[in-house]
N, C-alpha and C. Protein backbone atom coordinates (compact mmCIF):
# COMPACT_ATOMS: atom_id res chain seq x y z
N MET A 1 24.71 -30.28 -11.05
CA MET A 1 24.16 -29.21 -10.52
C MET A 1 22.52 -28.88 -10.98
N THR A 2 21.57 -28.83 -10.26
CA THR A 2 20.28 -28.71 -10.86
C THR A 2 20.15 -26.73 -10.32
N LEU A 3 19.12 -26.87 -11.83
CA LEU A 3 18.84 -25.16 -12.00
C LEU A 3 17.72 -25.26 -11.54
N ASN A 4 17.21 -24.24 -10.82
CA ASN A 4 15.84 -23.75 -10.09
C ASN A 4 14.83 -23.51 -11.75
N LYS A 5 13.63 -23.62 -11.76
CA LYS A 5 13.13 -23.16 -13.23
C LYS A 5 11.99 -21.79 -12.61
N THR A 6 12.11 -20.88 -13.09
CA THR A 6 11.77 -19.26 -12.91
C THR A 6 9.97 -19.32 -13.17
N ALA A 7 9.62 -18.23 -13.02
CA ALA A 7 8.46 -18.16 -13.52
C ALA A 7 8.43 -16.78 -13.13
N ASN A 8 6.97 -16.12 -14.28
CA ASN A 8 6.91 -14.33 -14.14
C ASN A 8 5.38 -14.53 -13.19
N VAL A 9 5.77 -13.03 -12.53
CA VAL A 9 4.45 -12.83 -11.48
C VAL A 9 4.35 -11.52 -12.29
N ASN A 10 2.94 -11.46 -12.56
CA ASN A 10 2.14 -9.78 -13.65
C ASN A 10 1.00 -9.53 -13.05
N VAL A 11 1.32 -8.40 -12.07
CA VAL A 11 0.50 -7.83 -11.29
C VAL A 11 -0.28 -6.27 -11.85
N ARG A 12 -1.23 -5.89 -11.92
CA ARG A 12 -1.69 -4.58 -11.85
C ARG A 12 -1.83 -3.56 -10.74
N ILE A 13 -0.63 -2.41 -10.66
CA ILE A 13 -1.05 -1.76 -9.28
C ILE A 13 -1.47 -0.17 -9.51
N GLN A 14 -1.92 0.70 -8.64
CA GLN A 14 -1.46 2.08 -8.76
C GLN A 14 -0.26 2.65 -9.48
N GLU A 15 0.05 3.04 -10.49
CA GLU A 15 1.33 3.94 -10.77
C GLU A 15 2.01 5.11 -9.80
N ASN A 16 1.27 5.52 -9.14
CA ASN A 16 1.57 6.39 -7.95
C ASN A 16 2.40 5.08 -6.87
N ILE A 17 1.33 4.07 -6.52
CA ILE A 17 2.18 3.31 -5.43
C ILE A 17 3.02 2.47 -6.48
N LYS A 18 3.52 2.41 -7.58
CA LYS A 18 4.70 1.35 -7.83
C LYS A 18 5.77 2.85 -7.67
N GLN A 19 5.68 3.81 -8.41
CA GLN A 19 6.53 4.45 -8.27
C GLN A 19 7.06 4.90 -6.85
N GLN A 20 6.07 4.96 -5.54
CA GLN A 20 6.79 5.17 -4.37
C GLN A 20 7.93 3.97 -4.07
N ALA A 21 7.45 2.73 -4.22
CA ALA A 21 7.31 1.73 -4.11
C ALA A 21 9.05 1.46 -4.01
N GLU A 22 9.29 1.42 -5.85
CA GLU A 22 10.62 1.64 -6.56
C GLU A 22 11.70 2.13 -6.18
N GLN A 23 10.83 3.76 -6.34
CA GLN A 23 11.87 4.90 -5.39
C GLN A 23 12.64 4.28 -4.24
N ILE A 24 12.09 3.58 -2.99
CA ILE A 24 12.33 3.66 -2.24
C ILE A 24 13.29 2.05 -1.99
N LEU A 25 12.84 1.02 -3.14
CA LEU A 25 14.07 0.13 -3.22
C LEU A 25 14.85 0.42 -4.47
N ASP A 26 15.02 1.65 -4.90
CA ASP A 26 16.17 1.99 -5.81
C ASP A 26 17.34 2.50 -4.87
N THR A 27 16.49 3.00 -3.75
CA THR A 27 17.23 3.93 -2.48
C THR A 27 18.34 2.94 -2.12
N ILE A 28 17.65 1.68 -1.52
CA ILE A 28 17.69 0.85 -0.74
C ILE A 28 18.88 -0.30 -1.90
N GLY A 29 18.94 -0.28 -3.03
CA GLY A 29 19.60 -1.08 -3.59
C GLY A 29 18.90 -2.27 -4.29
N ILE A 30 17.68 -2.76 -3.95
CA ILE A 30 17.30 -4.38 -3.97
C ILE A 30 16.15 -4.13 -5.40
N PRO A 31 16.30 -5.09 -6.52
CA PRO A 31 15.69 -5.07 -7.24
C PRO A 31 14.30 -5.12 -7.02
N ARG A 32 13.34 -4.85 -8.27
CA ARG A 32 11.57 -4.55 -7.54
C ARG A 32 11.80 -6.49 -7.75
N ALA A 33 12.31 -6.99 -8.76
CA ALA A 33 12.14 -8.86 -9.05
C ALA A 33 12.73 -9.31 -7.00
N THR A 34 14.05 -8.71 -6.70
CA THR A 34 14.44 -9.62 -5.69
C THR A 34 13.68 -9.25 -4.42
N ALA A 35 12.75 -8.05 -4.71
CA ALA A 35 11.75 -7.74 -3.56
C ALA A 35 10.56 -8.17 -3.32
N ILE A 36 9.77 -8.55 -4.81
CA ILE A 36 8.59 -9.70 -4.59
C ILE A 36 9.03 -10.98 -3.97
N ASP A 37 10.52 -11.65 -4.71
CA ASP A 37 11.43 -12.94 -4.03
C ASP A 37 11.38 -12.75 -2.47
N ILE A 38 11.50 -11.60 -1.63
CA ILE A 38 11.89 -12.22 -0.31
C ILE A 38 10.46 -11.76 -0.28
N PHE A 39 9.35 -11.59 -0.62
CA PHE A 39 7.89 -11.42 0.35
C PHE A 39 7.53 -12.96 -0.38
N TYR A 40 7.40 -13.32 -1.13
CA TYR A 40 7.31 -14.25 -0.93
C TYR A 40 7.69 -15.80 -0.28
N ARG A 41 9.48 -15.58 -0.29
CA ARG A 41 9.59 -16.11 0.03
C ARG A 41 9.40 -16.36 2.01
N GLN A 42 9.11 -14.80 2.40
CA GLN A 42 8.45 -14.54 3.72
C GLN A 42 7.31 -14.84 3.95
N ILE A 43 6.65 -14.96 2.89
CA ILE A 43 4.66 -15.57 2.67
C ILE A 43 5.05 -16.85 3.38
N ILE A 44 5.88 -18.12 2.47
CA ILE A 44 6.47 -19.19 3.48
C ILE A 44 6.71 -19.28 4.49
N LEU A 45 7.49 -18.69 4.71
CA LEU A 45 8.01 -18.77 6.21
C LEU A 45 7.27 -18.44 7.39
N ASN A 46 6.26 -17.38 6.82
CA ASN A 46 5.44 -17.57 8.05
C ASN A 46 4.01 -18.09 7.74
N ASN A 47 3.96 -19.12 6.88
CA ASN A 47 2.55 -19.56 6.33
C ASN A 47 1.89 -19.09 5.83
N GLY A 48 1.92 -17.42 6.05
CA GLY A 48 0.50 -16.77 5.30
C GLY A 48 1.96 -15.40 5.25
N ILE A 49 0.53 -13.83 5.28
CA ILE A 49 1.29 -12.86 4.78
C ILE A 49 1.42 -12.28 6.17
N PRO A 50 3.13 -12.11 5.51
CA PRO A 50 4.12 -11.91 6.84
C PRO A 50 3.90 -10.56 7.92
N PHE A 51 2.76 -9.90 7.59
CA PHE A 51 2.63 -8.45 8.19
C PHE A 51 0.79 -8.50 8.71
N SER A 52 1.01 -7.96 9.65
CA SER A 52 -0.76 -8.10 9.97
C SER A 52 -1.67 -7.37 9.20
N LEU A 53 -2.82 -7.90 8.89
CA LEU A 53 -3.60 -7.17 8.33
C LEU A 53 -5.16 -7.39 8.42
N LYS A 54 -5.37 -6.14 9.65
CA LYS A 54 -6.58 -6.38 9.94
C LYS A 54 -7.57 -5.05 10.22
N ILE A 55 -8.26 -4.33 10.60
CA ILE A 55 -9.57 -3.59 10.48
C ILE A 55 -9.38 -3.28 11.47
N PRO A 56 -8.76 -1.84 11.76
CA PRO A 56 -9.05 -1.29 13.00
C PRO A 56 -10.36 -1.09 13.83
N LYS A 57 -10.39 -1.52 15.13
CA LYS A 57 -11.37 -1.91 15.82
C LYS A 57 -12.22 -0.68 15.69
N TYR A 58 -11.96 0.67 15.51
CA TYR A 58 -12.56 1.80 15.39
C TYR A 58 -11.92 2.75 14.31
N LEU A 59 -12.62 3.70 13.82
CA LEU A 59 -11.80 4.86 12.51
C LEU A 59 -11.95 5.75 13.38
N PRO A 60 -10.84 6.75 13.00
CA PRO A 60 -10.64 7.80 13.99
C PRO A 60 -11.85 9.10 13.80
N VAL A 61 -12.47 9.67 14.73
CA VAL A 61 -13.39 10.50 15.07
C VAL A 61 -12.44 11.62 15.14
N ARG A 62 -13.35 12.77 14.59
CA ARG A 62 -12.63 13.86 15.61
C ARG A 62 -12.69 14.67 16.78
N GLU A 63 -13.80 13.80 17.24
CA GLU A 63 -14.29 14.26 18.30
C GLU A 63 -13.37 13.91 19.32
N THR A 64 -13.07 12.12 19.36
CA THR A 64 -11.95 11.59 20.10
C THR A 64 -10.44 11.72 20.12
N MET A 65 -10.36 12.60 18.94
CA MET A 65 -8.82 12.92 19.05
C MET A 65 -8.36 14.49 19.54
N ASP A 66 -7.03 13.72 19.70
CA ASP A 66 -6.19 15.60 20.35
C ASP A 66 -5.82 16.00 19.28
N GLU A 67 -5.99 17.54 19.37
CA GLU A 67 -4.89 18.32 18.76
C GLU A 67 -3.78 17.66 17.47
N LYS A 68 -3.11 17.20 18.47
CA LYS A 68 -1.74 16.58 17.92
C LYS A 68 -1.85 15.34 16.62
N ALA A 69 -3.19 14.57 16.99
CA ALA A 69 -3.27 13.44 16.31
C ALA A 69 -4.17 13.67 15.30
N PHE A 70 -4.85 15.05 15.59
CA PHE A 70 -5.93 15.55 14.21
C PHE A 70 -5.33 16.12 13.39
N ASN A 71 -3.79 16.81 13.78
CA ASN A 71 -3.10 17.38 12.52
C ASN A 71 -2.52 16.06 11.87
N SER A 72 -1.73 15.32 12.13
CA SER A 72 -0.92 14.47 12.05
C SER A 72 -2.18 13.58 10.99
N LEU A 73 -3.58 13.21 11.33
CA LEU A 73 -4.47 12.60 9.90
C LEU A 73 -4.40 13.80 9.01
N MET A 74 -4.46 14.90 8.70
CA MET A 74 -4.65 15.86 8.57
C MET A 74 -3.48 16.17 7.25
N ALA A 75 -1.91 15.93 7.63
CA ALA A 75 -0.93 16.09 7.55
C ALA A 75 -0.71 14.50 6.44
N GLN A 76 -0.86 13.69 6.87
CA GLN A 76 -1.25 12.16 5.69
C GLN A 76 -1.97 12.41 4.63
N GLY A 77 -3.07 12.96 5.44
CA GLY A 77 -4.52 13.43 3.70
C GLY A 77 -3.68 14.46 2.91
N TYR A 78 -3.34 14.98 3.49
CA TYR A 78 -2.61 16.21 2.58
C TYR A 78 -1.39 15.63 1.39
N ALA A 79 -0.56 15.10 2.25
CA ALA A 79 0.64 14.22 1.64
C ALA A 79 -0.23 13.32 0.72
N GLN A 80 -0.63 12.76 0.87
CA GLN A 80 -1.43 11.82 0.04
C GLN A 80 -1.95 12.57 -1.34
N SER A 81 -3.15 13.39 -0.96
CA SER A 81 -3.38 14.21 -1.89
C SER A 81 -2.01 14.83 -3.27
N ILE A 82 -1.17 15.44 -2.35
CA ILE A 82 -0.02 15.63 -3.20
C ILE A 82 0.69 14.85 -3.98
N ARG A 83 0.71 13.59 -3.09
CA ARG A 83 1.44 12.92 -4.45
C ARG A 83 0.53 12.31 -5.62
N GLY A 84 -0.89 12.90 -5.75
CA GLY A 84 -1.91 12.31 -6.37
C GLY A 84 -3.04 11.24 -5.95
N ASP A 85 -2.12 10.10 -4.93
CA ASP A 85 -2.68 9.22 -4.61
C ASP A 85 -4.17 9.14 -3.36
N SER A 86 -5.38 9.99 -4.74
CA SER A 86 -6.45 10.11 -4.24
C SER A 86 -7.50 10.18 -5.72
N TYR A 87 -9.23 10.11 -5.42
CA TYR A 87 -9.58 10.20 -6.34
C TYR A 87 -10.60 11.20 -6.39
N PRO A 88 -11.33 11.80 -7.82
CA PRO A 88 -11.70 12.89 -8.03
C PRO A 88 -13.07 12.45 -7.16
N ILE A 89 -13.83 13.32 -6.70
CA ILE A 89 -14.95 13.18 -5.85
C ILE A 89 -15.81 12.84 -6.58
N ASP A 90 -15.94 13.33 -7.39
CA ASP A 90 -17.36 12.45 -8.36
C ASP A 90 -17.02 10.95 -8.65
N ASP A 91 -15.95 10.49 -9.09
CA ASP A 91 -15.51 9.38 -9.09
C ASP A 91 -15.66 8.92 -7.88
N VAL A 92 -15.32 8.63 -6.60
CA VAL A 92 -15.92 8.53 -5.53
C VAL A 92 -17.82 7.98 -5.06
N PHE A 93 -18.32 9.18 -5.67
CA PHE A 93 -19.69 9.20 -5.17
C PHE A 93 -20.15 8.50 -6.42
N ASN A 94 -19.95 8.68 -7.52
CA ASN A 94 -20.50 7.23 -8.81
C ASN A 94 -19.95 6.04 -8.29
N GLU A 95 -19.22 6.10 -7.60
CA GLU A 95 -18.55 4.20 -7.19
C GLU A 95 -19.64 3.91 -6.05
N LEU A 96 -19.45 4.89 -5.17
CA LEU A 96 -20.34 4.42 -3.69
C LEU A 96 -22.19 4.18 -4.39
N GLU A 97 -22.83 5.74 -5.15
CA GLU A 97 -24.25 5.13 -5.67
C GLU A 97 -23.67 4.00 -6.56
N SER A 98 -23.15 3.27 -7.25
CA SER A 98 -22.85 2.09 -7.97
C SER A 98 -23.23 0.96 -7.20
N GLU A 99 -22.63 0.99 -6.12
CA GLU A 99 -23.18 -0.44 -5.58
C GLU A 99 -23.84 -0.13 -4.54
N LEU A 100 -25.00 0.43 -4.24
CA LEU A 100 -26.32 0.43 -4.03
C LEU A 100 -27.15 -0.60 -4.45
C-alpha cells in the first residue's frame, strides 16, 4: 500500500470572506481542507479555474437599469455594508490617489 504525501496550503484572505465561506461549509458538513482539496481537484479536471472569470462587458449604470434591477443592486450593496464587507471611504480614496 502506497501512502500519499500531503502538503500544506497557506493563504491570507479577508476575515469576513473566511467567516462567510466557513459558515456555509459548516452548514453542508464539509471541512475547510476538504473544500480546498475539491477546488484543487476541479482545477486539475478542468485544466484551469472551474468557473468563468470574466469582466462584464459593461458596468451597471442607473440610467440603463429598471427599478427592479436598481433595487436589487442597492440591496446587495446594503447587505455587503451590513456584513462589514466594505472599506471606509477615506481608505478607498487614499488607495486610489496612491495609484496615480
